[in-house]
Amino acid sequence: MSDKTSLRAAARAARAAFVAAPHPPIRVDARFLALLTPGMIVASYVPISGEADPAPLEQAALAAGCTLALPHVVDRATPLSFLRWSPRSPLQSGPFGLRQPVHDGAPVAPDVVLTPLVAFDRALNRLGQGAGHYDRAFESFPQAWRIGVAWSVQLIDGLTADPWDVPLHAVATELEWITA
């Protein structure tokens, strides 16, 4: 399987089978904790369609004095923005079945971006949904740490990166913390 459509289908099927059974949460590694300092903005996401839940990482960020943000999506073409968010804040429905903050504040620049993905490899290449939202966000915030959040079954051998694909700094799974 070399084309991205086939890879996405296989990875989504593996993810769906995995989340249908009991499984441990995403692991919070000491190397993630070492990145966090009070006042940092950690962008996260609300999982959909079996995506790995970043809640353990969010809780660690809050305990370290960080501020959380979530992506706000307008449509496929418009770059996503990140808006401040707390677990007590309301969410609204967005495009593609997303849950996102109400757009009533100024966008923020994240220091860490926790990103969902469909598949990844050990070289930290990421296969996303295909709209390019996160690759464009990574280009807009090159200083931010890019951390994929995924289930271990989403690991595949040797993704072929396109020129516009931005690699991750790390991937957090329920089993391990993967870095280059």
C-alpha atoms as a PDB file:
ATOM      1  CA  MET A   1       0.000   0.000   0.000  1.00  0.00           C
ATOM      2  CA  SER A   2       1.746   3.129  -1.109  1.00  0.00           C
ATOM      3  CA  ASP A   3      -1.022   5.584  -1.938  1.00  0.00           C
ATOM      4  CA  LYS A   4      -2.339   7.736   0.890  1.00  0.00           C
ATOM      5  CA  THR A   5      -5.997   6.815   0.330  1.00  0.00           C
ATOM      6  CA  SER A   6      -5.255   3.120   0.882  1.00  0.00           C
ATOM      7  CA  LEU A   7      -2.999   3.871   3.845  1.00  0.00           C
ATOM      8  CA  ARG A   8      -5.699   6.013   5.450  1.00  0.00           C
ATOM      9  CA  ALA A   9      -8.338   3.300   4.973  1.00  0.00           C
ATOM     10  CA  ALA A  10      -6.123   0.599   6.504  1.00  0.00           C
ATOM     11  CA  ALA A  11      -5.040   2.810   9.414  1.00  0.00           C
ATOM     12  CA  ARG A  12      -8.618   3.882  10.164  1.00  0.00           C
ATOM     13  CA  ALA A  13      -9.740   0.242  10.165  1.00  0.00           C
ATOM     14  CA  ALA A  14      -6.932  -0.716  12.575  1.00  0.00           C
ATOM     15  CA  ARG A  15      -7.789   2.251  14.804  1.00  0.00           C
ATOM     16  CA  ALA A  16     -11.511   1.375  14.836  1.00  0.00           C
ATOM     17  CA  ALA A  17     -10.779  -2.237  15.803  1.00  0.00           C
ATOM     18  CA  PHE A  18      -8.398  -1.075  18.534  1.00  0.00           C
ATOM     19  CA  VAL A  19     -10.796   1.398  20.166  1.00  0.00           C
ATOM     20  CA  ALA A  20     -13.645  -1.153  20.081  1.00  0.00           C
ATOM     21  CA  ALA A  21     -11.857  -3.098  22.848  1.00  0.00           C
ATOM     22  CA  PRO A  22     -10.672  -1.896  26.259  1.00  0.00           C
ATOM     23  CA  HIS A  23      -7.280  -0.186  26.067  1.00  0.00           C
ATOM     24  CA  PRO A  24      -5.044   1.962  28.253  1.00  0.00           C
ATOM     25  CA  PRO A  25      -5.015   5.761  27.886  1.00  0.00           C
ATOM     26  CA  ILE A  26      -2.269   7.729  26.171  1.00  0.00           C
ATOM     27  CA  ARG A  27       0.892   7.547  28.248  1.00  0.00           C
ATOM     28  CA  VAL A  28       2.346  10.733  29.746  1.00  0.00           C
ATOM     29  CA  ASP A  29       6.107  10.399  29.404  1.00  0.00           C
ATOM     30  CA  ALA A  30       8.670  12.235  31.545  1.00  0.00           C
ATOM     31  CA  ARG A  31      10.073  13.762  28.335  1.00  0.00           C
ATOM     32  CA  PHE A  32       6.701  15.409  27.690  1.00  0.00           C
ATOM     33  CA  LEU A  33       6.602  16.747  31.232  1.00  0.00           C
ATOM     34  CA  ALA A  34      10.128  18.143  30.796  1.00  0.00           C
ATOM     35  CA  LEU A  35       8.932  20.296  27.875  1.00  0.00           C
ATOM     36  CA  LEU A  36       6.283  22.053  29.938  1.00  0.00           C
ATOM     37  CA  THR A  37       6.772  25.347  31.744  1.00  0.00           C
ATOM     38  CA  PRO A  38       4.182  27.600  33.387  1.00  0.00           C
ATOM     39  CA  GLY A  39       2.530  29.949  30.921  1.00  0.00           C
ATOM     40  CA  MET A  40       3.142  27.820  27.826  1.00  0.00           C
ATOM     41  CA  ILE A  41       0.263  27.413  25.415  1.00  0.00           C
ATOM     42  CA  VAL A  42      -0.441  23.777  24.626  1.00  0.00           C
ATOM     43  CA  ALA A  43      -2.775  23.280  21.676  1.00  0.00           C
ATOM     44  CA  SER A  44      -4.786  20.092  21.871  1.00  0.00           C
ATOM     45  CA  TYR A  45      -7.907  18.749  20.129  1.00  0.00           C
ATOM     46  CA  VAL A  46     -11.206  17.012  20.823  1.00  0.00           C
ATOM     47  CA  PRO A  47     -10.940  13.471  19.424  1.00  0.00           C
ATOM     48  CA  ILE A  48     -13.381  12.174  16.812  1.00  0.00           C
ATOM     49  CA  SER A  49     -13.748   8.872  14.959  1.00  0.00           C
ATOM     50  CA  GLY A  50     -11.567   6.833  17.307  1.00  0.00           C
ATOM     51  CA  GLU A  51      -8.695   9.328  17.476  1.00  0.00           C
ATOM     52  CA  ALA A  52      -6.469   8.942  20.506  1.00  0.00           C
ATOM     53  CA  ASP A  53      -7.689  11.072  23.390  1.00  0.00           C
ATOM     54  CA  PRO A  54      -5.065  13.652  24.448  1.00  0.00           C
ATOM     55  CA  ALA A  55      -6.773  14.234  27.841  1.00  0.00           C
ATOM     56  CA  PRO A  56      -3.894  12.757  29.918  1.00  0.00           C
ATOM     57  CA  LEU A  57      -1.468  15.140  28.193  1.00  0.00           C
ATOM     58  CA  GLU A  58      -3.865  18.063  28.674  1.00  0.00           C
ATOM     59  CA  GLN A  59      -4.151  17.270  32.394  1.00  0.00           C
ATOM     60  CA  ALA A  60      -0.357  17.163  32.701  1.00  0.00           C
ATOM     61  CA  ALA A  61      -0.091  20.515  30.906  1.00  0.00           C
ATOM     62  CA  LEU A  62      -2.665  22.107  33.208  1.00  0.00           C
ATOM     63  CA  ALA A  63      -0.863  20.697  36.276  1.00  0.00           C
ATOM     64  CA  ALA A  64       2.357  22.306  34.978  1.00  0.00           C
ATOM     65  CA  GLY A  65       0.672  25.731  34.743  1.00  0.00           C
ATOM     66  CA  CYS A  66       0.161  25.726  30.984  1.00  0.00           C
ATOM     67  CA  THR A  67      -2.775  27.237  29.109  1.00  0.00           C
ATOM     68  CA  LEU A  68      -4.738  25.028  26.735  1.00  0.00           C
ATOM     69  CA  ALA A  69      -5.960  25.934  23.268  1.00  0.00           C
ATOM     70  CA  LEU A  70      -8.014  24.069  20.696  1.00  0.00           C
ATOM     71  CA  PRO A  71      -8.110  24.393  16.921  1.00  0.00           C
ATOM     72  CA  HIS A  72     -10.910  26.349  15.313  1.00  0.00           C
ATOM     73  CA  VAL A  73     -11.696  25.281  11.753  1.00  0.00           C
ATOM     74  CA  VAL A  74     -13.752  27.347   9.315  1.00  0.00           C
ATOM     75  CA  ASP A  75     -13.566  25.169   6.203  1.00  0.00           C
ATOM     76  CA  ARG A  76     -11.142  23.021   4.208  1.00  0.00           C
ATOM     77  CA  ALA A  77      -9.278  25.962   2.647  1.00  0.00           C
ATOM     78  CA  THR A  78      -9.009  28.377   5.585  1.00  0.00           C
ATOM     79  CA  PRO A  79      -6.005  27.836   7.864  1.00  0.00           C
ATOM     80  CA  LEU A  80      -6.977  26.697  11.331  1.00  0.00           C
ATOM     81  CA  SER A  81      -6.466  28.999  14.271  1.00  0.00           C
ATOM     82  CA  PHE A  82      -5.909  28.076  17.906  1.00  0.00           C
ATOM     83  CA  LEU A  83      -8.196  29.567  20.569  1.00  0.00           C
ATOM     84  CA  ARG A  84      -7.739  29.512  24.344  1.00  0.00           C
ATOM     85  CA  TRP A  85      -9.820  26.820  26.001  1.00  0.00           C
ATOM     86  CA  SER A  86     -10.348  25.222  29.388  1.00  0.00           C
ATOM     87  CA  PRO A  87     -12.139  21.968  30.155  1.00  0.00           C
ATOM     88  CA  ARG A  88     -15.004  24.041  31.630  1.00  0.00           C
ATOM     89  CA  SER A  89     -15.482  26.095  28.452  1.00  0.00           C
ATOM     90  CA  PRO A  90     -18.340  25.315  26.074  1.00  0.00           C
ATOM     91  CA  LEU A  91     -17.703  23.833  22.655  1.00  0.00           C
ATOM     92  CA  GLN A  92     -19.664  24.214  19.443  1.00  0.00           C
ATOM     93  CA  SER A  93     -20.040  22.023  16.389  1.00  0.00           C
ATOM     94  CA  GLY A  94     -17.625  22.768  13.577  1.00  0.00           C
ATOM     95  CA  PRO A  95     -16.999  21.426  10.089  1.00  0.00           C
ATOM     96  CA  PHE A  96     -16.113  17.737   9.576  1.00  0.00           C
ATOM     97  CA  GLY A  97     -17.831  16.699  12.829  1.00  0.00           C
ATOM     98  CA  LEU A  98     -15.364  18.661  14.969  1.00  0.00           C
ATOM     99  CA  ARG A  99     -16.073  20.102  18.410  1.00  0.00           C
ATOM    100  CA  GLN A 100     -14.330  23.429  18.841  1.00  0.00           C
ATOM    101  CA  PRO A 101     -14.318  26.583  20.953  1.00  0.00           C
ATOM    102  CA  VAL A 102     -16.637  29.445  20.164  1.00  0.00           C
ATOM    103  CA  HIS A 103     -14.679  31.980  18.110  1.00  0.00           C
ATOM    104  CA  ASP A 104     -14.974  34.876  20.543  1.00  0.00           C
ATOM    105  CA  GLY A 105     -11.330  35.538  21.338  1.00  0.00           C
ATOM    106  CA  ALA A 106      -8.092  36.307  19.594  1.00  0.00           C
ATOM    107  CA  PRO A 107      -6.103  33.365  18.222  1.00  0.00           C
ATOM    108  CA  VAL A 108      -3.027  32.331  20.200  1.00  0.00           C
ATOM    109  CA  ALA A 109       0.394  31.043  19.122  1.00  0.00           C
ATOM    110  CA  PRO A 110       0.983  27.574  20.571  1.00  0.00           C
ATOM    111  CA  ASP A 111       4.283  26.461  22.089  1.00  0.00           C
ATOM    112  CA  VAL A 112       3.274  22.790  21.813  1.00  0.00           C
ATOM    113  CA  VAL A 113       0.808  21.308  19.330  1.00  0.00           C
ATOM    114  CA  LEU A 114      -0.770  17.972  20.209  1.00  0.00           C
ATOM    115  CA  THR A 115      -1.978  16.702  16.873  1.00  0.00           C
ATOM    116  CA  PRO A 116      -4.296  13.902  15.858  1.00  0.00           C
ATOM    117  CA  LEU A 117      -3.258  11.682  12.993  1.00  0.00           C
ATOM    118  CA  VAL A 118      -4.357   8.726  10.927  1.00  0.00           C
ATOM    119  CA  ALA A 119      -0.947   6.997  10.758  1.00  0.00           C
ATOM    120  CA  PHE A 120       2.699   7.656  11.562  1.00  0.00           C
ATOM    121  CA  ASP A 121       6.110   6.027  11.232  1.00  0.00           C
ATOM    122  CA  ARG A 122       9.202   5.901  13.453  1.00  0.00           C
ATOM    123  CA  ALA A 123      10.827   8.646  11.376  1.00  0.00           C
ATOM    124  CA  LEU A 124       8.002  10.854  12.751  1.00  0.00           C
ATOM    125  CA  ASN A 125       6.221  11.346   9.457  1.00  0.00           C
ATOM    126  CA  ARG A 126       2.499  11.879   9.971  1.00  0.00           C
ATOM    127  CA  LEU A 127      -0.429  10.985   7.758  1.00  0.00           C
ATOM    128  CA  GLY A 128      -3.361  13.242   8.553  1.00  0.00           C
ATOM    129  CA  GLN A 129      -6.909  13.523   7.283  1.00  0.00           C
ATOM    130  CA  GLY A 130      -5.754  15.036   3.999  1.00  0.00           C
ATOM    131  CA  ALA A 131      -6.863  18.671   4.242  1.00  0.00           C
ATOM    132  CA  GLY A 132      -3.403  19.961   5.227  1.00  0.00           C
ATOM    133  CA  HIS A 133      -4.667  21.983   8.202  1.00  0.00           C
ATOM    134  CA  TYR A 134      -1.945  20.823  10.584  1.00  0.00           C
ATOM    135  CA  ASP A 135       0.888  21.029   8.039  1.00  0.00           C
ATOM    136  CA  ARG A 136      -0.067  24.664   7.383  1.00  0.00           C
ATOM    137  CA  ALA A 137      -0.303  25.319  11.135  1.00  0.00           C
ATOM    138  CA  PHE A 138       3.137  23.779  11.646  1.00  0.00           C
ATOM    139  CA  GLU A 139       4.526  26.115   8.980  1.00  0.00           C
ATOM    140  CA  SER A 140       2.864  29.086  10.704  1.00  0.00           C
ATOM    141  CA  PHE A 141       4.265  28.146  14.118  1.00  0.00           C
ATOM    142  CA  PRO A 142       7.703  26.655  13.352  1.00  0.00           C
ATOM    143  CA  GLN A 143       8.909  27.158  16.946  1.00  0.00           C
ATOM    144  CA  ALA A 144       6.139  24.960  18.374  1.00  0.00           C
ATOM    145  CA  TRP A 145       6.843  21.391  19.435  1.00  0.00           C
ATOM    146  CA  ARG A 146       4.812  19.068  17.182  1.00  0.00           C
ATOM    147  CA  ILE A 147       3.619  16.003  19.081  1.00  0.00           C
ATOM    148  CA  GLY A 148       1.447  13.389  17.428  1.00  0.00           C
ATOM    149  CA  VAL A 149      -1.052  11.591  19.630  1.00  0.00           C
ATOM    150  CA  ALA A 150      -1.996   8.137  18.372  1.00  0.00           C
ATOM    151  CA  TRP A 151      -2.723   4.549  19.233  1.00  0.00           C
ATOM    152  CA  SER A 152       0.167   2.133  18.745  1.00  0.00           C
ATOM    153  CA  VAL A 153      -1.786   0.322  15.984  1.00  0.00           C
ATOM    154  CA  GLN A 154      -1.469   3.455  13.840  1.00  0.00           C
ATOM    155  CA  LEU A 155       2.296   2.924  13.489  1.00  0.00           C
ATOM    156  CA  ILE A 156       3.213   1.828   9.973  1.00  0.00           C
ATOM    157  CA  ASP A 157       6.530   1.231   8.260  1.00  0.00           C
ATOM    158  CA  GLY A 158       8.009   3.956   6.099  1.00  0.00           C
ATOM    159  CA  LEU A 159       5.515   6.645   5.202  1.00  0.00           C
ATOM    160  CA  THR A 160       6.583   8.551   2.135  1.00  0.00           C
ATOM    161  CA  ALA A 161       6.512  12.250   2.982  1.00  0.00           C
ATOM    162  CA  ASP A 162       5.430  14.806   0.417  1.00  0.00           C
ATOM    163  CA  PRO A 163       7.384  18.074   0.149  1.00  0.00           C
ATOM    164  CA  TRP A 164       4.711  19.939   2.141  1.00  0.00           C
ATOM    165  CA  ASP A 165       4.577  17.398   4.987  1.00  0.00           C
ATOM    166  CA  VAL A 166       6.115  18.675   8.222  1.00  0.00           C
ATOM    167  CA  PRO A 167       7.556  15.939  10.470  1.00  0.00           C
ATOM    168  CA  LEU A 168       6.713  15.650  14.147  1.00  0.00           C
ATOM    169  CA  HIS A 169       9.114  16.045  17.054  1.00  0.00           C
ATOM    170  CA  ALA A 170       7.553  13.123  18.926  1.00  0.00           C
ATOM    171  CA  VAL A 171       4.578  10.757  19.057  1.00  0.00           C
ATOM    172  CA  ALA A 172       2.774   9.772  22.262  1.00  0.00           C
ATOM    173  CA  THR A 173       0.933   6.437  22.281  1.00  0.00           C
ATOM    174  CA  GLU A 174      -0.546   4.262  25.014  1.00  0.00           C
ATOM    175  CA  LEU A 175       2.692   2.247  24.983  1.00  0.00           C
ATOM    176  CA  GLU A 176       5.562   4.645  24.352  1.00  0.00           C
ATOM    177  CA  TRP A 177       6.982   8.070  23.604  1.00  0.00           C
ATOM    178  CA  ILE A 178       8.680   8.012  20.210  1.00  0.00           C
ATOM    179  CA  THR A 179      11.350  10.508  19.140  1.00  0.00           C
ATOM    180  CA  ALA A 180      13.830  10.513  16.297  1.00  0.00           C
END
